[in-house]
Amino acid sequence: MALALLTLLSEMAAERPLLCVVDDAQWLDRASAQAVAFVARRLATEAMAFVFGAREVPDELRGLPEIVVGGLGDGDARAQAAATVRGSAGSTASCAKALMTAIKGPFR
């Protein structure tokens, strides 16, 4: 499966640069994680890049270059929420409620 994936993505990247985004990588099954890790480790000569989003890095993806991105601080989160709802029906109270929902969401 991994070699087939590498071949397919390499053919696509030959036509134009390719960005592969895998969100919630912690939920990949073992075979899929191994396949994408196999491809991600062989990108030196390809016009291709991978971005993985994960709460916890699966063992199969360990060793790949990584940048850890943390959450926004309270002030920055409030500023972003305010900028997002500015000009709409949003209020300070609805911004605060949205932030609390995000912070205390079911997947945290």
C-alpha atoms as a PDB file:
ATOM      1  CA  MET A   1       0.000   0.000   0.000  1.00  0.00           C
ATOM      2  CA  ALA A   2       2.795   2.446   0.890  1.00  0.00           C
ATOM      3  CA  LEU A   3       4.604   2.024  -2.423  1.00  0.00           C
ATOM      4  CA  ALA A   4       1.338   2.450  -4.346  1.00  0.00           C
ATOM      5  CA  LEU A   5       0.624   5.655  -2.420  1.00  0.00           C
ATOM      6  CA  LEU A   6       4.124   6.961  -3.110  1.00  0.00           C
ATOM      7  CA  THR A   7       3.719   6.226  -6.821  1.00  0.00           C
ATOM      8  CA  LEU A   8       0.300   7.891  -7.011  1.00  0.00           C
ATOM      9  CA  LEU A   9       1.340  11.026  -5.131  1.00  0.00           C
ATOM     10  CA  SER A  10       4.638  11.271  -7.046  1.00  0.00           C
ATOM     11  CA  GLU A  11       2.721  11.197 -10.331  1.00  0.00           C
ATOM     12  CA  MET A  12       0.435  13.943  -9.076  1.00  0.00           C
ATOM     13  CA  ALA A  13       3.403  16.024  -7.842  1.00  0.00           C
ATOM     14  CA  ALA A  14       5.054  15.697 -11.262  1.00  0.00           C
ATOM     15  CA  GLU A  15       2.195  17.758 -12.728  1.00  0.00           C
ATOM     16  CA  ARG A  16       2.281  20.498 -10.047  1.00  0.00           C
ATOM     17  CA  PRO A  17       3.458  20.880  -6.438  1.00  0.00           C
ATOM     18  CA  LEU A  18       1.365  18.901  -3.987  1.00  0.00           C
ATOM     19  CA  LEU A  19       0.506  19.554  -0.346  1.00  0.00           C
ATOM     20  CA  CYS A  20      -0.968  16.622   1.596  1.00  0.00           C
ATOM     21  CA  VAL A  21      -2.758  17.582   4.813  1.00  0.00           C
ATOM     22  CA  VAL A  22      -3.670  14.912   7.356  1.00  0.00           C
ATOM     23  CA  ASP A  23      -5.724  16.280  10.231  1.00  0.00           C
ATOM     24  CA  ASP A  24      -6.330  14.258  13.403  1.00  0.00           C
ATOM     25  CA  ALA A  25      -3.435  11.966  12.511  1.00  0.00           C
ATOM     26  CA  GLN A  26      -3.777  10.291  15.907  1.00  0.00           C
ATOM     27  CA  TRP A  27      -6.887   8.560  14.494  1.00  0.00           C
ATOM     28  CA  LEU A  28      -5.104   6.955  11.511  1.00  0.00           C
ATOM     29  CA  ASP A  29      -5.156   3.186  11.557  1.00  0.00           C
ATOM     30  CA  ARG A  30      -1.717   1.575  11.757  1.00  0.00           C
ATOM     31  CA  ALA A  31      -1.499   0.639   8.057  1.00  0.00           C
ATOM     32  CA  SER A  32      -2.492   4.138   6.901  1.00  0.00           C
ATOM     33  CA  ALA A  33      -0.061   5.799   9.333  1.00  0.00           C
ATOM     34  CA  GLN A  34       2.740   3.544   8.094  1.00  0.00           C
ATOM     35  CA  ALA A  35       1.889   4.315   4.463  1.00  0.00           C
ATOM     36  CA  VAL A  36       1.850   8.098   4.838  1.00  0.00           C
ATOM     37  CA  ALA A  37       5.001   7.982   6.991  1.00  0.00           C
ATOM     38  CA  PHE A  38       6.737   5.915   4.290  1.00  0.00           C
ATOM     39  CA  VAL A  39       5.852   8.569   1.695  1.00  0.00           C
ATOM     40  CA  ALA A  40       6.686  11.519   3.978  1.00  0.00           C
ATOM     41  CA  ARG A  41      10.170  10.106   4.575  1.00  0.00           C
ATOM     42  CA  ARG A  42      10.875   9.977   0.831  1.00  0.00           C
ATOM     43  CA  LEU A  43      10.077  13.543  -0.237  1.00  0.00           C
ATOM     44  CA  ALA A  44      13.600  14.799  -0.940  1.00  0.00           C
ATOM     45  CA  THR A  45      13.209  14.611  -4.720  1.00  0.00           C
ATOM     46  CA  GLU A  46       9.463  15.299  -4.961  1.00  0.00           C
ATOM     47  CA  ALA A  47       7.540  18.580  -5.275  1.00  0.00           C
ATOM     48  CA  MET A  48       5.420  17.443  -2.361  1.00  0.00           C
ATOM     49  CA  ALA A  49       4.984  18.251   1.321  1.00  0.00           C
ATOM     50  CA  PHE A  50       3.004  16.765   4.195  1.00  0.00           C
ATOM     51  CA  VAL A  51       1.376  18.566   7.092  1.00  0.00           C
ATOM     52  CA  PHE A  52       0.070  16.415   9.924  1.00  0.00           C
ATOM     53  CA  GLY A  53      -2.215  17.726  12.637  1.00  0.00           C
ATOM     54  CA  ALA A  54      -2.324  15.575  15.757  1.00  0.00           C
ATOM     55  CA  ARG A  55      -3.005  15.919  19.446  1.00  0.00           C
ATOM     56  CA  GLU A  56      -0.522  13.093  20.020  1.00  0.00           C
ATOM     57  CA  VAL A  57       2.050  12.042  17.434  1.00  0.00           C
ATOM     58  CA  PRO A  58       1.451   8.435  16.341  1.00  0.00           C
ATOM     59  CA  ASP A  59       4.511   6.192  16.733  1.00  0.00           C
ATOM     60  CA  GLU A  60       4.649   5.687  12.957  1.00  0.00           C
ATOM     61  CA  LEU A  61       5.168   9.439  12.423  1.00  0.00           C
ATOM     62  CA  ARG A  62       7.870   9.907  15.048  1.00  0.00           C
ATOM     63  CA  GLY A  63      11.180  11.050  13.645  1.00  0.00           C
ATOM     64  CA  LEU A  64       9.650  13.261  10.949  1.00  0.00           C
ATOM     65  CA  PRO A  65      10.505  16.969  11.223  1.00  0.00           C
ATOM     66  CA  GLU A  66       8.015  18.602  13.555  1.00  0.00           C
ATOM     67  CA  ILE A  67       6.847  22.012  14.646  1.00  0.00           C
ATOM     68  CA  VAL A  68       4.753  22.104  17.797  1.00  0.00           C
ATOM     69  CA  VAL A  69       2.008  24.723  17.621  1.00  0.00           C
ATOM     70  CA  GLY A  70       0.316  25.651  20.873  1.00  0.00           C
ATOM     71  CA  GLY A  71      -2.978  27.381  21.453  1.00  0.00           C
ATOM     72  CA  LEU A  72      -3.478  31.120  21.524  1.00  0.00           C
ATOM     73  CA  GLY A  73      -3.146  32.966  24.795  1.00  0.00           C
ATOM     74  CA  ASP A  74      -6.339  34.371  26.324  1.00  0.00           C
ATOM     75  CA  GLY A  75      -5.780  37.912  25.035  1.00  0.00           C
ATOM     76  CA  ASP A  76      -4.927  36.801  21.494  1.00  0.00           C
ATOM     77  CA  ALA A  77      -7.888  34.406  21.422  1.00  0.00           C
ATOM     78  CA  ARG A  78     -10.245  37.181  22.502  1.00  0.00           C
ATOM     79  CA  ALA A  79      -8.811  39.555  19.869  1.00  0.00           C
ATOM     80  CA  GLN A  80      -9.208  36.919  17.139  1.00  0.00           C
ATOM     81  CA  ALA A  81     -12.780  36.154  18.192  1.00  0.00           C
ATOM     82  CA  ALA A  82     -13.651  39.855  18.267  1.00  0.00           C
ATOM     83  CA  ALA A  83     -12.111  40.384  14.810  1.00  0.00           C
ATOM     84  CA  THR A  84     -14.036  37.413  13.465  1.00  0.00           C
ATOM     85  CA  VAL A  85     -17.454  38.630  14.611  1.00  0.00           C
ATOM     86  CA  ARG A  86     -16.831  42.368  14.064  1.00  0.00           C
ATOM     87  CA  GLY A  87     -19.550  43.791  11.876  1.00  0.00           C
ATOM     88  CA  SER A  88     -21.828  40.789  12.385  1.00  0.00           C
ATOM     89  CA  ALA A  89     -24.520  40.137  14.947  1.00  0.00           C
ATOM     90  CA  GLY A  90     -21.839  38.917  17.385  1.00  0.00           C
ATOM     91  CA  SER A  91     -21.479  40.462  20.809  1.00  0.00           C
ATOM     92  CA  THR A  92     -18.890  40.398  23.563  1.00  0.00           C
ATOM     93  CA  ALA A  93     -21.024  37.791  25.337  1.00  0.00           C
ATOM     94  CA  SER A  94     -21.213  35.566  22.241  1.00  0.00           C
ATOM     95  CA  CYS A  95     -17.411  35.870  21.777  1.00  0.00           C
ATOM     96  CA  ALA A  96     -16.865  34.821  25.388  1.00  0.00           C
ATOM     97  CA  LYS A  97     -19.264  31.894  24.992  1.00  0.00           C
ATOM     98  CA  ALA A  98     -17.528  30.749  21.788  1.00  0.00           C
ATOM     99  CA  LEU A  99     -14.120  30.916  23.475  1.00  0.00           C
ATOM    100  CA  MET A 100     -15.309  28.903  26.475  1.00  0.00           C
ATOM    101  CA  THR A 101     -16.840  26.314  24.167  1.00  0.00           C
ATOM    102  CA  ALA A 102     -13.553  26.010  22.268  1.00  0.00           C
ATOM    103  CA  ILE A 103     -11.466  25.766  25.451  1.00  0.00           C
ATOM    104  CA  LYS A 104     -13.759  23.258  27.185  1.00  0.00           C
ATOM    105  CA  GLY A 105     -14.860  21.416  24.029  1.00  0.00           C
ATOM    106  CA  PRO A 106     -15.636  17.697  24.099  1.00  0.00           C
ATOM    107  CA  PHE A 107     -12.375  16.782  22.324  1.00  0.00           C
ATOM    108  CA  ARG A 108      -9.971  18.590  24.708  1.00  0.00           C
END
